[in-house]
Amino acid sequence: MRRARRRHSPRTPHDKRTRSSSFDNGGENMNVSQTCLLITALMPFVWTMCAKSSSRYDNHDPRGYLARLDGWRARAFAAHQNSWEAFALFTAALVVAWHNGANMQRVDQLAIVFVASRVLYGVLYLLNWATLRSLVWTVGLVCVVWLFFAAP
C-alpha cells in the first residue's frame, strides 16, 4: 500500500526555513556583496602587477626578483601578500553572513566599506603612510568582524 505524499506549504520570505539562506531573497541585493568579493579576489593581482612593473623583472626567477625589491615596489608586494590574507577572512565572513541570513543591505554596506578600505590601504602602503594605513586596516577588520556577527 502506498502512502500519500505529504504536501508542504510553499516557503515565503518570512518563513524561518528560508532565512538561513540569503539566496532566498530573490538575489535582490546579493550582487553588491558578490561584486565586492570579486574585487577583493582580484586586488592581490593589482598590487603584484605594481610590484613587477619594471623592465628589470625576471620571469625566469620571479621569487628572486621579488626578494630583491625595495621602495614602493617592495611595499606593493607586501600589499599583495596582505590582500590574500584579507581575502580569506572576508570570504569567510561573507559566507557566514549569507548562511545566517543576515540583513543583505547591511552586508552590502559592510562589503563596500571593506573594499574601499582595502583599496585605500594598498594606496597608503605604496605611499609609505604607515600610521594612516594601519587605521584604514583597522576599519577593514572591523567590517569583517561585524559581518561575522551580523544577525537577521
N, C-alpha and C. Protein backbone atom coordinates (compact mmCIF):
# COMPACT_ATOMS: atom_id res chain seq x y z
N MET A 1 0.83 -1.17 0.00
CA MET A 1 0.00 0.00 0.00
C MET A 1 0.89 1.25 0.00
N ARG A 2 0.58 2.12 -0.85
CA ARG A 2 1.36 3.34 -1.00
C ARG A 2 0.84 4.43 -0.09
N ARG A 3 1.79 5.13 0.51
CA ARG A 3 1.40 6.25 1.36
C ARG A 3 1.18 7.49 0.51
N ALA A 4 0.26 8.28 0.92
CA ALA A 4 0.01 9.54 0.23
C ALA A 4 1.17 10.49 0.50
N ARG A 5 1.55 11.21 -0.51
CA ARG A 5 2.63 12.18 -0.35
C ARG A 5 2.17 13.33 0.51
N ARG A 6 3.03 13.72 1.38
CA ARG A 6 2.72 14.83 2.26
C ARG A 6 2.98 16.14 1.54
N ARG A 7 2.03 17.01 1.57
CA ARG A 7 2.18 18.30 0.90
C ARG A 7 2.78 19.31 1.86
N HIS A 8 3.75 20.03 1.35
CA HIS A 8 4.37 21.09 2.13
C HIS A 8 3.86 22.43 1.63
N SER A 9 3.69 23.31 2.54
CA SER A 9 3.28 24.65 2.14
C SER A 9 4.47 25.35 1.48
N PRO A 10 4.20 26.21 0.52
CA PRO A 10 5.31 26.91 -0.13
C PRO A 10 6.04 27.82 0.86
N ARG A 11 7.31 27.98 0.63
CA ARG A 11 8.11 28.83 1.51
C ARG A 11 7.91 30.30 1.14
N THR A 12 7.88 31.11 2.14
CA THR A 12 7.75 32.55 1.94
C THR A 12 9.02 33.22 2.44
N PRO A 13 9.25 34.47 2.05
CA PRO A 13 10.46 35.15 2.52
C PRO A 13 10.54 35.27 4.03
N HIS A 14 9.39 35.20 4.72
CA HIS A 14 9.39 35.35 6.17
C HIS A 14 9.44 34.00 6.88
N ASP A 15 9.44 32.93 6.12
CA ASP A 15 9.48 31.58 6.68
C ASP A 15 10.87 31.32 7.25
N LYS A 16 10.95 30.85 8.48
CA LYS A 16 12.24 30.61 9.13
C LYS A 16 13.07 29.58 8.37
N ARG A 17 12.41 28.68 7.63
CA ARG A 17 13.16 27.67 6.89
C ARG A 17 14.00 28.29 5.78
N THR A 18 13.60 29.43 5.28
CA THR A 18 14.35 30.04 4.18
C THR A 18 15.30 31.12 4.65
N ARG A 19 15.17 31.58 5.88
CA ARG A 19 16.01 32.67 6.35
C ARG A 19 17.47 32.27 6.46
N SER A 20 17.77 31.01 6.60
CA SER A 20 19.17 30.61 6.75
C SER A 20 19.94 30.77 5.45
N SER A 21 19.25 30.86 4.35
CA SER A 21 19.93 31.03 3.07
C SER A 21 19.64 32.41 2.51
N SER A 22 20.67 33.18 2.31
CA SER A 22 20.50 34.53 1.80
C SER A 22 20.05 34.52 0.34
N PHE A 23 20.19 33.42 -0.33
CA PHE A 23 19.81 33.36 -1.73
C PHE A 23 18.30 33.30 -1.91
N ASP A 24 17.55 33.16 -0.82
CA ASP A 24 16.10 33.11 -0.90
C ASP A 24 15.47 34.49 -0.96
N ASN A 25 16.25 35.54 -0.99
CA ASN A 25 15.69 36.87 -1.06
C ASN A 25 15.53 37.32 -2.52
N GLY A 26 15.58 36.41 -3.43
CA GLY A 26 15.41 36.73 -4.83
C GLY A 26 16.67 37.27 -5.49
N GLY A 27 17.77 37.25 -4.78
CA GLY A 27 19.01 37.74 -5.33
C GLY A 27 19.07 39.25 -5.45
N GLU A 28 18.11 39.91 -4.83
CA GLU A 28 17.96 41.35 -4.96
C GLU A 28 19.22 42.13 -4.62
N ASN A 29 19.80 41.89 -3.46
CA ASN A 29 20.95 42.66 -3.02
C ASN A 29 22.25 41.87 -3.07
N MET A 30 22.21 40.64 -3.47
CA MET A 30 23.41 39.81 -3.44
C MET A 30 24.48 40.29 -4.41
N ASN A 31 24.09 40.91 -5.47
CA ASN A 31 25.08 41.30 -6.46
C ASN A 31 26.12 42.26 -5.92
N VAL A 32 25.75 43.10 -4.98
CA VAL A 32 26.71 44.06 -4.43
C VAL A 32 27.80 43.34 -3.65
N SER A 33 27.42 42.50 -2.71
CA SER A 33 28.43 41.81 -1.90
C SER A 33 29.23 40.81 -2.74
N GLN A 34 28.59 40.20 -3.73
CA GLN A 34 29.33 39.29 -4.60
C GLN A 34 30.33 40.06 -5.46
N THR A 35 29.95 41.23 -5.92
CA THR A 35 30.88 42.07 -6.68
C THR A 35 32.05 42.50 -5.81
N CYS A 36 31.76 42.84 -4.56
CA CYS A 36 32.83 43.21 -3.63
C CYS A 36 33.77 42.04 -3.40
N LEU A 37 33.22 40.84 -3.34
CA LEU A 37 34.06 39.65 -3.17
C LEU A 37 34.97 39.47 -4.39
N LEU A 38 34.42 39.67 -5.57
CA LEU A 38 35.23 39.56 -6.80
C LEU A 38 36.34 40.62 -6.82
N ILE A 39 36.01 41.84 -6.46
CA ILE A 39 37.02 42.91 -6.42
C ILE A 39 38.13 42.54 -5.44
N THR A 40 37.73 42.04 -4.27
CA THR A 40 38.71 41.65 -3.26
C THR A 40 39.58 40.50 -3.75
N ALA A 41 39.00 39.60 -4.53
CA ALA A 41 39.77 38.48 -5.07
C ALA A 41 40.77 38.94 -6.12
N LEU A 42 40.45 39.99 -6.85
CA LEU A 42 41.34 40.49 -7.90
C LEU A 42 42.39 41.47 -7.38
N MET A 43 42.15 42.04 -6.22
CA MET A 43 43.05 43.07 -5.69
C MET A 43 44.51 42.61 -5.53
N PRO A 44 44.78 41.38 -5.07
CA PRO A 44 46.18 40.97 -4.97
C PRO A 44 46.92 41.05 -6.30
N PHE A 45 46.21 40.80 -7.39
CA PHE A 45 46.84 40.84 -8.71
C PHE A 45 47.21 42.26 -9.12
N VAL A 46 46.40 43.23 -8.69
CA VAL A 46 46.72 44.63 -8.98
C VAL A 46 48.02 45.01 -8.30
N TRP A 47 48.15 44.64 -7.01
CA TRP A 47 49.35 45.02 -6.27
C TRP A 47 50.58 44.26 -6.78
N THR A 48 50.43 43.02 -7.19
CA THR A 48 51.60 42.30 -7.70
C THR A 48 52.02 42.84 -9.07
N MET A 49 51.06 43.32 -9.86
CA MET A 49 51.43 43.95 -11.13
C MET A 49 52.22 45.23 -10.88
N CYS A 50 51.83 45.97 -9.83
CA CYS A 50 52.61 47.16 -9.45
C CYS A 50 54.03 46.76 -9.05
N ALA A 51 54.12 45.71 -8.26
CA ALA A 51 55.44 45.26 -7.77
C ALA A 51 56.33 44.79 -8.92
N LYS A 52 55.73 44.19 -9.93
CA LYS A 52 56.51 43.62 -11.03
C LYS A 52 56.61 44.54 -12.24
N SER A 53 56.14 45.78 -12.10
CA SER A 53 56.13 46.71 -13.24
C SER A 53 57.49 47.37 -13.42
N SER A 54 58.43 46.58 -13.83
CA SER A 54 59.78 47.10 -14.05
C SER A 54 60.38 46.37 -15.24
N SER A 55 61.22 47.07 -15.96
CA SER A 55 61.89 46.42 -17.09
C SER A 55 62.91 45.40 -16.58
N ARG A 56 63.25 45.47 -15.29
CA ARG A 56 64.21 44.52 -14.71
C ARG A 56 63.54 43.23 -14.23
N TYR A 57 62.22 43.11 -14.38
CA TYR A 57 61.52 41.92 -13.90
C TYR A 57 62.06 40.68 -14.61
N ASP A 58 62.37 39.65 -13.84
CA ASP A 58 62.93 38.41 -14.37
C ASP A 58 61.90 37.30 -14.22
N ASN A 59 61.26 36.94 -15.32
CA ASN A 59 60.23 35.90 -15.28
C ASN A 59 60.84 34.51 -15.08
N HIS A 60 62.15 34.37 -15.28
CA HIS A 60 62.82 33.09 -15.03
C HIS A 60 63.05 32.87 -13.54
N ASP A 61 63.12 33.95 -12.78
CA ASP A 61 63.35 33.87 -11.33
C ASP A 61 62.46 34.90 -10.62
N PRO A 62 61.14 34.72 -10.68
CA PRO A 62 60.24 35.74 -10.11
C PRO A 62 60.38 35.90 -8.60
N ARG A 63 60.61 34.81 -7.89
CA ARG A 63 60.75 34.92 -6.43
C ARG A 63 62.05 35.63 -6.05
N GLY A 64 63.09 35.37 -6.78
CA GLY A 64 64.35 36.07 -6.53
C GLY A 64 64.21 37.56 -6.81
N TYR A 65 63.50 37.89 -7.90
CA TYR A 65 63.25 39.29 -8.22
C TYR A 65 62.48 39.97 -7.09
N LEU A 66 61.42 39.31 -6.62
CA LEU A 66 60.60 39.89 -5.56
C LEU A 66 61.39 40.05 -4.26
N ALA A 67 62.30 39.13 -3.99
CA ALA A 67 63.12 39.22 -2.77
C ALA A 67 64.08 40.40 -2.82
N ARG A 68 64.44 40.83 -4.01
CA ARG A 68 65.39 41.95 -4.15
C ARG A 68 64.71 43.31 -4.26
N LEU A 69 63.40 43.35 -4.23
CA LEU A 69 62.69 44.63 -4.38
C LEU A 69 62.95 45.56 -3.21
N ASP A 70 62.88 46.85 -3.50
CA ASP A 70 62.95 47.85 -2.43
C ASP A 70 62.00 49.00 -2.78
N GLY A 71 61.81 49.91 -1.85
CA GLY A 71 60.97 51.07 -2.10
C GLY A 71 59.50 50.72 -2.30
N TRP A 72 58.86 51.48 -3.18
CA TRP A 72 57.42 51.30 -3.36
C TRP A 72 57.06 49.96 -3.98
N ARG A 73 57.97 49.38 -4.77
CA ARG A 73 57.68 48.06 -5.34
C ARG A 73 57.67 46.98 -4.26
N ALA A 74 58.56 47.09 -3.29
CA ALA A 74 58.56 46.14 -2.16
C ALA A 74 57.28 46.31 -1.34
N ARG A 75 56.84 47.55 -1.18
CA ARG A 75 55.59 47.78 -0.44
C ARG A 75 54.39 47.27 -1.23
N ALA A 76 54.44 47.37 -2.56
CA ALA A 76 53.36 46.83 -3.40
C ALA A 76 53.28 45.31 -3.23
N PHE A 77 54.43 44.67 -3.15
CA PHE A 77 54.42 43.22 -2.94
C PHE A 77 53.89 42.87 -1.55
N ALA A 78 54.22 43.69 -0.56
CA ALA A 78 53.67 43.47 0.79
C ALA A 78 52.16 43.66 0.79
N ALA A 79 51.67 44.66 0.04
CA ALA A 79 50.22 44.86 -0.09
C ALA A 79 49.57 43.66 -0.77
N HIS A 80 50.26 43.10 -1.75
CA HIS A 80 49.80 41.89 -2.43
C HIS A 80 49.61 40.74 -1.44
N GLN A 81 50.63 40.51 -0.62
CA GLN A 81 50.55 39.42 0.36
C GLN A 81 49.44 39.67 1.38
N ASN A 82 49.32 40.90 1.86
CA ASN A 82 48.30 41.23 2.83
C ASN A 82 46.91 41.11 2.22
N SER A 83 46.78 41.39 0.94
CA SER A 83 45.48 41.27 0.27
C SER A 83 44.99 39.83 0.25
N TRP A 84 45.90 38.88 0.08
CA TRP A 84 45.48 37.47 0.13
C TRP A 84 44.95 37.11 1.51
N GLU A 85 45.63 37.60 2.54
CA GLU A 85 45.19 37.32 3.91
C GLU A 85 43.81 37.93 4.16
N ALA A 86 43.61 39.16 3.72
CA ALA A 86 42.33 39.83 3.91
C ALA A 86 41.23 39.14 3.10
N PHE A 87 41.57 38.67 1.91
CA PHE A 87 40.58 37.99 1.07
C PHE A 87 40.03 36.75 1.75
N ALA A 88 40.90 35.96 2.36
CA ALA A 88 40.45 34.74 3.04
C ALA A 88 39.48 35.07 4.17
N LEU A 89 39.82 36.04 4.98
CA LEU A 89 38.97 36.41 6.11
C LEU A 89 37.65 37.02 5.64
N PHE A 90 37.70 37.87 4.62
CA PHE A 90 36.49 38.50 4.08
C PHE A 90 35.56 37.46 3.47
N THR A 91 36.13 36.49 2.76
CA THR A 91 35.32 35.42 2.17
C THR A 91 34.59 34.64 3.25
N ALA A 92 35.32 34.26 4.29
CA ALA A 92 34.70 33.52 5.39
C ALA A 92 33.59 34.34 6.04
N ALA A 93 33.83 35.62 6.25
CA ALA A 93 32.83 36.48 6.89
C ALA A 93 31.57 36.60 6.03
N LEU A 94 31.74 36.75 4.72
CA LEU A 94 30.58 36.83 3.84
C LEU A 94 29.79 35.53 3.83
N VAL A 95 30.48 34.41 3.77
CA VAL A 95 29.79 33.11 3.77
C VAL A 95 28.98 32.95 5.04
N VAL A 96 29.55 33.30 6.18
CA VAL A 96 28.83 33.21 7.45
C VAL A 96 27.62 34.13 7.44
N ALA A 97 27.79 35.36 6.98
CA ALA A 97 26.67 36.32 6.94
C ALA A 97 25.57 35.83 6.01
N TRP A 98 25.94 35.33 4.83
CA TRP A 98 24.94 34.81 3.90
C TRP A 98 24.23 33.61 4.49
N HIS A 99 24.98 32.71 5.08
CA HIS A 99 24.40 31.49 5.65
C HIS A 99 23.45 31.80 6.80
N ASN A 100 23.81 32.78 7.62
CA ASN A 100 22.98 33.12 8.77
C ASN A 100 21.79 33.99 8.41
N GLY A 101 21.65 34.34 7.14
CA GLY A 101 20.51 35.13 6.71
C GLY A 101 20.57 36.57 7.21
N ALA A 102 21.76 37.12 7.29
CA ALA A 102 21.92 38.50 7.76
C ALA A 102 21.22 39.47 6.81
N ASN A 103 20.89 40.62 7.33
CA ASN A 103 20.27 41.68 6.53
C ASN A 103 21.20 42.02 5.36
N MET A 104 20.73 41.78 4.15
CA MET A 104 21.60 41.92 2.98
C MET A 104 22.00 43.36 2.71
N GLN A 105 21.14 44.30 3.08
CA GLN A 105 21.52 45.70 2.90
C GLN A 105 22.72 46.03 3.80
N ARG A 106 22.70 45.54 5.02
CA ARG A 106 23.82 45.77 5.94
C ARG A 106 25.08 45.05 5.44
N VAL A 107 24.91 43.82 4.96
CA VAL A 107 26.05 43.05 4.43
C VAL A 107 26.67 43.80 3.25
N ASP A 108 25.83 44.31 2.36
CA ASP A 108 26.33 45.06 1.21
C ASP A 108 27.08 46.32 1.64
N GLN A 109 26.53 47.03 2.62
CA GLN A 109 27.19 48.25 3.12
C GLN A 109 28.56 47.92 3.70
N LEU A 110 28.61 46.88 4.51
CA LEU A 110 29.89 46.49 5.12
C LEU A 110 30.88 46.03 4.06
N ALA A 111 30.39 45.33 3.04
CA ALA A 111 31.26 44.87 1.96
C ALA A 111 31.85 46.05 1.19
N ILE A 112 31.03 47.06 0.93
CA ILE A 112 31.51 48.24 0.21
C ILE A 112 32.57 48.98 1.03
N VAL A 113 32.31 49.16 2.32
CA VAL A 113 33.28 49.84 3.18
C VAL A 113 34.57 49.02 3.24
N PHE A 114 34.44 47.69 3.31
CA PHE A 114 35.62 46.84 3.35
C PHE A 114 36.46 47.02 2.09
N VAL A 115 35.82 46.95 0.93
CA VAL A 115 36.56 47.09 -0.33
C VAL A 115 37.22 48.47 -0.43
N ALA A 116 36.48 49.50 -0.06
CA ALA A 116 37.05 50.85 -0.09
C ALA A 116 38.27 50.94 0.84
N SER A 117 38.16 50.33 2.01
CA SER A 117 39.28 50.37 2.95
C SER A 117 40.48 49.60 2.40
N ARG A 118 40.23 48.50 1.71
CA ARG A 118 41.33 47.71 1.16
C ARG A 118 42.03 48.42 0.01
N VAL A 119 41.27 49.11 -0.83
CA VAL A 119 41.88 49.88 -1.92
C VAL A 119 42.72 51.01 -1.33
N LEU A 120 42.14 51.73 -0.38
CA LEU A 120 42.87 52.82 0.27
C LEU A 120 44.10 52.29 1.01
N TYR A 121 43.96 51.14 1.65
CA TYR A 121 45.07 50.50 2.36
C TYR A 121 46.25 50.28 1.41
N GLY A 122 45.96 49.73 0.23
CA GLY A 122 47.03 49.47 -0.74
C GLY A 122 47.69 50.74 -1.22
N VAL A 123 46.90 51.75 -1.49
CA VAL A 123 47.45 53.04 -1.94
C VAL A 123 48.33 53.64 -0.85
N LEU A 124 47.85 53.60 0.39
CA LEU A 124 48.63 54.14 1.50
C LEU A 124 49.91 53.33 1.73
N TYR A 125 49.85 52.04 1.44
CA TYR A 125 51.04 51.19 1.55
C TYR A 125 52.09 51.66 0.53
N LEU A 126 51.65 51.90 -0.70
CA LEU A 126 52.58 52.36 -1.73
C LEU A 126 53.18 53.71 -1.38
N LEU A 127 52.37 54.58 -0.76
CA LEU A 127 52.84 55.91 -0.39
C LEU A 127 53.68 55.92 0.88
N ASN A 128 53.74 54.78 1.56
CA ASN A 128 54.51 54.62 2.79
C ASN A 128 53.97 55.47 3.94
N TRP A 129 52.66 55.59 4.02
CA TRP A 129 52.00 56.31 5.11
C TRP A 129 51.53 55.28 6.13
N ALA A 130 52.42 54.84 6.96
CA ALA A 130 52.20 53.69 7.82
C ALA A 130 51.09 53.88 8.85
N THR A 131 51.04 55.02 9.53
CA THR A 131 50.05 55.21 10.59
C THR A 131 48.64 55.24 10.03
N LEU A 132 48.43 56.03 8.98
CA LEU A 132 47.10 56.09 8.36
C LEU A 132 46.73 54.74 7.76
N ARG A 133 47.71 54.07 7.17
CA ARG A 133 47.47 52.73 6.62
C ARG A 133 46.97 51.78 7.70
N SER A 134 47.55 51.83 8.88
CA SER A 134 47.13 50.96 9.97
C SER A 134 45.71 51.28 10.44
N LEU A 135 45.36 52.55 10.44
CA LEU A 135 43.99 52.94 10.81
C LEU A 135 42.98 52.41 9.79
N VAL A 136 43.33 52.52 8.52
CA VAL A 136 42.45 52.03 7.45
C VAL A 136 42.35 50.51 7.52
N TRP A 137 43.44 49.84 7.83
CA TRP A 137 43.42 48.38 8.01
C TRP A 137 42.43 48.01 9.12
N THR A 138 42.42 48.79 10.20
CA THR A 138 41.51 48.53 11.31
C THR A 138 40.05 48.67 10.88
N VAL A 139 39.75 49.65 10.03
CA VAL A 139 38.39 49.81 9.51
C VAL A 139 37.96 48.54 8.78
N GLY A 140 38.84 48.01 7.93
CA GLY A 140 38.52 46.78 7.21
C GLY A 140 38.31 45.61 8.14
N LEU A 141 39.13 45.51 9.17
CA LEU A 141 38.98 44.42 10.13
C LEU A 141 37.67 44.52 10.89
N VAL A 142 37.28 45.73 11.27
CA VAL A 142 36.00 45.93 11.96
C VAL A 142 34.85 45.48 11.07
N CYS A 143 34.91 45.79 9.78
CA CYS A 143 33.87 45.34 8.85
C CYS A 143 33.77 43.82 8.81
N VAL A 144 34.91 43.16 8.77
CA VAL A 144 34.92 41.69 8.73
C VAL A 144 34.33 41.11 10.00
N VAL A 145 34.73 41.63 11.15
CA VAL A 145 34.21 41.12 12.42
C VAL A 145 32.70 41.37 12.49
N TRP A 146 32.27 42.52 12.04
CA TRP A 146 30.84 42.86 12.05
C TRP A 146 30.07 41.88 11.17
N LEU A 147 30.63 41.52 10.02
CA LEU A 147 29.97 40.55 9.14
C LEU A 147 29.81 39.19 9.82
N PHE A 148 30.81 38.79 10.59
CA PHE A 148 30.72 37.51 11.29
C PHE A 148 29.56 37.49 12.28
N PHE A 149 29.28 38.63 12.87
CA PHE A 149 28.24 38.68 13.90
C PHE A 149 26.95 39.32 13.42
N ALA A 150 26.83 39.57 12.12
CA ALA A 150 25.60 40.15 11.57
C ALA A 150 24.45 39.17 11.78
N ALA A 151 23.41 39.66 12.37
CA ALA A 151 22.26 38.80 12.68
C ALA A 151 21.07 39.22 11.83
N PRO A 152 20.16 38.30 11.58
CA PRO A 152 18.98 38.64 10.78
C PRO A 152 18.09 39.64 11.49
